[in-house]
Amino acid sequence: MAEATMTRGDEVVFERLDLADVLGIWRNAKGRILGIHGQEGGTSPTVDVKFDGHETLQRYLPDLFRRVQ
């Protein structure tokens, strides 16, 4: 599961290119994980991701992104 491998500050790209297109963000743009929510307490984790020139994406599912190695 993606959220287990992502931490704050990780560089990510879109796993789902259709989402990048819908949001108007370049398909290969690299973003940074700003925050991770819900890791404890039984809720599904979500992440905040910032791409340069775009508003922060708040509480998106981690599976929509993949970490850049």
N, C-alpha and C. Protein backbone atom coordinates (compact mmCIF):
# COMPACT_ATOMS: atom_id res chain seq x y z
N MET A 1 0.84 -1.18 0.00
CA MET A 1 0.00 0.00 0.00
C MET A 1 0.89 1.25 0.00
N ALA A 2 0.55 2.23 -0.79
CA ALA A 2 1.41 3.39 -0.99
C ALA A 2 1.65 4.20 0.27
N GLU A 3 0.61 4.39 1.11
CA GLU A 3 0.77 5.25 2.27
C GLU A 3 1.83 4.76 3.24
N ALA A 4 2.11 3.47 3.26
CA ALA A 4 3.11 2.93 4.17
C ALA A 4 4.51 3.37 3.78
N THR A 5 4.73 3.71 2.53
CA THR A 5 6.06 4.06 2.07
C THR A 5 6.27 5.57 1.92
N MET A 6 5.22 6.36 2.05
CA MET A 6 5.34 7.81 1.90
C MET A 6 5.51 8.49 3.25
N THR A 7 6.40 9.47 3.27
CA THR A 7 6.57 10.28 4.46
C THR A 7 6.59 11.74 4.05
N ARG A 8 6.40 12.61 5.02
CA ARG A 8 6.41 14.04 4.76
C ARG A 8 7.74 14.43 4.10
N GLY A 9 7.65 15.22 3.06
CA GLY A 9 8.84 15.67 2.33
C GLY A 9 9.18 14.83 1.12
N ASP A 10 8.57 13.64 0.99
CA ASP A 10 8.83 12.80 -0.18
C ASP A 10 8.40 13.50 -1.46
N GLU A 11 9.16 13.28 -2.50
CA GLU A 11 8.81 13.78 -3.82
C GLU A 11 7.95 12.72 -4.50
N VAL A 12 6.84 13.16 -5.10
CA VAL A 12 5.91 12.23 -5.74
C VAL A 12 5.50 12.74 -7.12
N VAL A 13 5.02 11.82 -7.94
CA VAL A 13 4.40 12.13 -9.22
C VAL A 13 3.04 11.44 -9.23
N PHE A 14 2.20 11.81 -10.17
CA PHE A 14 0.89 11.18 -10.28
C PHE A 14 1.02 9.74 -10.75
N GLU A 15 0.36 8.85 -10.06
CA GLU A 15 0.20 7.47 -10.51
C GLU A 15 -0.94 7.42 -11.52
N ARG A 16 -1.95 8.25 -11.28
CA ARG A 16 -3.13 8.32 -12.14
C ARG A 16 -3.01 9.55 -13.03
N LEU A 17 -2.59 9.35 -14.27
CA LEU A 17 -2.38 10.48 -15.18
C LEU A 17 -3.68 11.16 -15.55
N ASP A 18 -4.80 10.44 -15.51
CA ASP A 18 -6.09 11.06 -15.79
C ASP A 18 -6.40 12.13 -14.74
N LEU A 19 -6.00 11.90 -13.51
CA LEU A 19 -6.22 12.90 -12.46
C LEU A 19 -5.38 14.14 -12.71
N ALA A 20 -4.14 13.96 -13.11
CA ALA A 20 -3.28 15.10 -13.44
C ALA A 20 -3.94 15.94 -14.53
N ASP A 21 -4.46 15.28 -15.55
CA ASP A 21 -5.11 15.99 -16.65
C ASP A 21 -6.33 16.78 -16.16
N VAL A 22 -7.15 16.15 -15.33
CA VAL A 22 -8.36 16.81 -14.82
C VAL A 22 -7.99 18.03 -13.99
N LEU A 23 -6.92 17.92 -13.19
CA LEU A 23 -6.50 19.02 -12.33
C LEU A 23 -5.69 20.09 -13.07
N GLY A 24 -5.33 19.80 -14.32
CA GLY A 24 -4.56 20.77 -15.11
C GLY A 24 -3.11 20.87 -14.68
N ILE A 25 -2.59 19.78 -14.13
CA ILE A 25 -1.19 19.73 -13.70
C ILE A 25 -0.43 18.85 -14.67
N TRP A 26 0.73 19.30 -15.06
CA TRP A 26 1.57 18.55 -16.00
C TRP A 26 1.73 17.12 -15.52
N ARG A 27 1.56 16.16 -16.41
CA ARG A 27 1.57 14.74 -16.08
C ARG A 27 2.82 14.28 -15.34
N ASN A 28 3.97 14.83 -15.67
CA ASN A 28 5.22 14.41 -15.04
C ASN A 28 5.71 15.38 -13.97
N ALA A 29 4.84 16.30 -13.55
CA ALA A 29 5.22 17.26 -12.51
C ALA A 29 5.51 16.53 -11.21
N LYS A 30 6.53 17.01 -10.51
CA LYS A 30 6.88 16.43 -9.21
C LYS A 30 6.34 17.31 -8.11
N GLY A 31 5.68 16.68 -7.15
CA GLY A 31 5.15 17.38 -5.99
C GLY A 31 5.82 16.87 -4.73
N ARG A 32 5.50 17.50 -3.60
CA ARG A 32 6.04 17.10 -2.30
C ARG A 32 4.90 16.81 -1.34
N ILE A 33 5.07 15.75 -0.55
CA ILE A 33 4.12 15.43 0.50
C ILE A 33 4.30 16.45 1.61
N LEU A 34 3.24 17.21 1.93
CA LEU A 34 3.29 18.21 2.99
C LEU A 34 2.75 17.66 4.30
N GLY A 35 1.82 16.75 4.22
CA GLY A 35 1.21 16.21 5.42
C GLY A 35 0.55 14.89 5.16
N ILE A 36 0.45 14.08 6.21
CA ILE A 36 -0.21 12.79 6.15
C ILE A 36 -1.23 12.77 7.28
N HIS A 37 -2.46 12.40 6.96
CA HIS A 37 -3.56 12.42 7.93
C HIS A 37 -4.15 11.02 8.10
N GLY A 38 -4.60 10.72 9.31
CA GLY A 38 -5.38 9.52 9.56
C GLY A 38 -4.60 8.23 9.63
N GLN A 39 -3.32 8.29 9.92
CA GLN A 39 -2.55 7.05 10.00
C GLN A 39 -2.91 6.24 11.23
N GLU A 40 -3.39 6.89 12.25
CA GLU A 40 -3.84 6.16 13.43
C GLU A 40 -5.33 6.44 13.62
N GLY A 41 -5.99 5.61 14.33
CA GLY A 41 -7.40 5.84 14.59
C GLY A 41 -8.35 5.13 13.63
N GLY A 42 -7.84 4.29 12.75
CA GLY A 42 -8.69 3.48 11.90
C GLY A 42 -9.24 4.14 10.64
N THR A 43 -8.95 5.42 10.41
CA THR A 43 -9.43 6.04 9.18
C THR A 43 -8.42 5.80 8.06
N SER A 44 -8.91 5.86 6.84
CA SER A 44 -8.02 5.70 5.70
C SER A 44 -7.08 6.90 5.61
N PRO A 45 -5.79 6.66 5.48
CA PRO A 45 -4.84 7.77 5.38
C PRO A 45 -5.07 8.60 4.13
N THR A 46 -4.81 9.88 4.25
CA THR A 46 -4.81 10.80 3.12
C THR A 46 -3.56 11.65 3.20
N VAL A 47 -3.18 12.27 2.08
CA VAL A 47 -1.99 13.10 2.03
C VAL A 47 -2.30 14.46 1.43
N ASP A 48 -1.52 15.45 1.85
CA ASP A 48 -1.54 16.78 1.24
C ASP A 48 -0.30 16.86 0.35
N VAL A 49 -0.50 17.26 -0.90
CA VAL A 49 0.60 17.32 -1.86
C VAL A 49 0.64 18.70 -2.49
N LYS A 50 1.83 19.26 -2.63
CA LYS A 50 2.01 20.58 -3.25
C LYS A 50 2.81 20.44 -4.53
N PHE A 51 2.24 20.93 -5.61
CA PHE A 51 2.92 21.03 -6.90
C PHE A 51 3.18 22.50 -7.16
N ASP A 52 4.37 22.87 -7.61
CA ASP A 52 4.70 24.26 -7.88
C ASP A 52 3.67 24.88 -8.82
N GLY A 53 3.20 26.06 -8.46
CA GLY A 53 2.26 26.79 -9.30
C GLY A 53 0.81 26.37 -9.14
N HIS A 54 0.52 25.48 -8.20
CA HIS A 54 -0.85 24.99 -8.00
C HIS A 54 -1.19 25.04 -6.52
N GLU A 55 -2.48 25.12 -6.24
CA GLU A 55 -2.94 25.05 -4.86
C GLU A 55 -2.56 23.69 -4.27
N THR A 56 -2.42 23.64 -2.96
CA THR A 56 -2.12 22.37 -2.30
C THR A 56 -3.31 21.42 -2.44
N LEU A 57 -3.04 20.21 -2.87
CA LEU A 57 -4.07 19.18 -2.93
C LEU A 57 -4.20 18.61 -1.52
N GLN A 58 -5.35 18.76 -0.93
CA GLN A 58 -5.54 18.37 0.47
C GLN A 58 -6.35 17.09 0.60
N ARG A 59 -5.81 16.18 1.37
CA ARG A 59 -6.48 14.92 1.74
C ARG A 59 -6.82 14.04 0.53
N TYR A 60 -5.82 13.84 -0.32
CA TYR A 60 -5.97 12.92 -1.44
C TYR A 60 -5.48 11.54 -1.03
N LEU A 61 -6.02 10.50 -1.67
CA LEU A 61 -5.58 9.14 -1.37
C LEU A 61 -4.14 8.94 -1.85
N PRO A 62 -3.30 8.35 -1.02
CA PRO A 62 -1.90 8.14 -1.40
C PRO A 62 -1.74 7.30 -2.67
N ASP A 63 -2.68 6.41 -2.95
CA ASP A 63 -2.57 5.55 -4.12
C ASP A 63 -2.65 6.32 -5.44
N LEU A 64 -3.03 7.59 -5.38
CA LEU A 64 -3.10 8.40 -6.60
C LEU A 64 -1.72 8.91 -7.02
N PHE A 65 -0.73 8.69 -6.15
CA PHE A 65 0.63 9.18 -6.38
C PHE A 65 1.62 8.04 -6.21
N ARG A 66 2.80 8.22 -6.77
CA ARG A 66 3.88 7.27 -6.48
C ARG A 66 5.13 8.07 -6.12
N ARG A 67 5.88 7.53 -5.21
CA ARG A 67 7.08 8.17 -4.72
C ARG A 67 8.16 8.14 -5.80
N VAL A 68 8.89 9.24 -5.93
CA VAL A 68 10.01 9.31 -6.86
C VAL A 68 11.23 8.76 -6.15
N GLN A 69 11.88 7.81 -6.77
CA GLN A 69 13.04 7.17 -6.14
C GLN A 69 14.28 8.01 -6.23
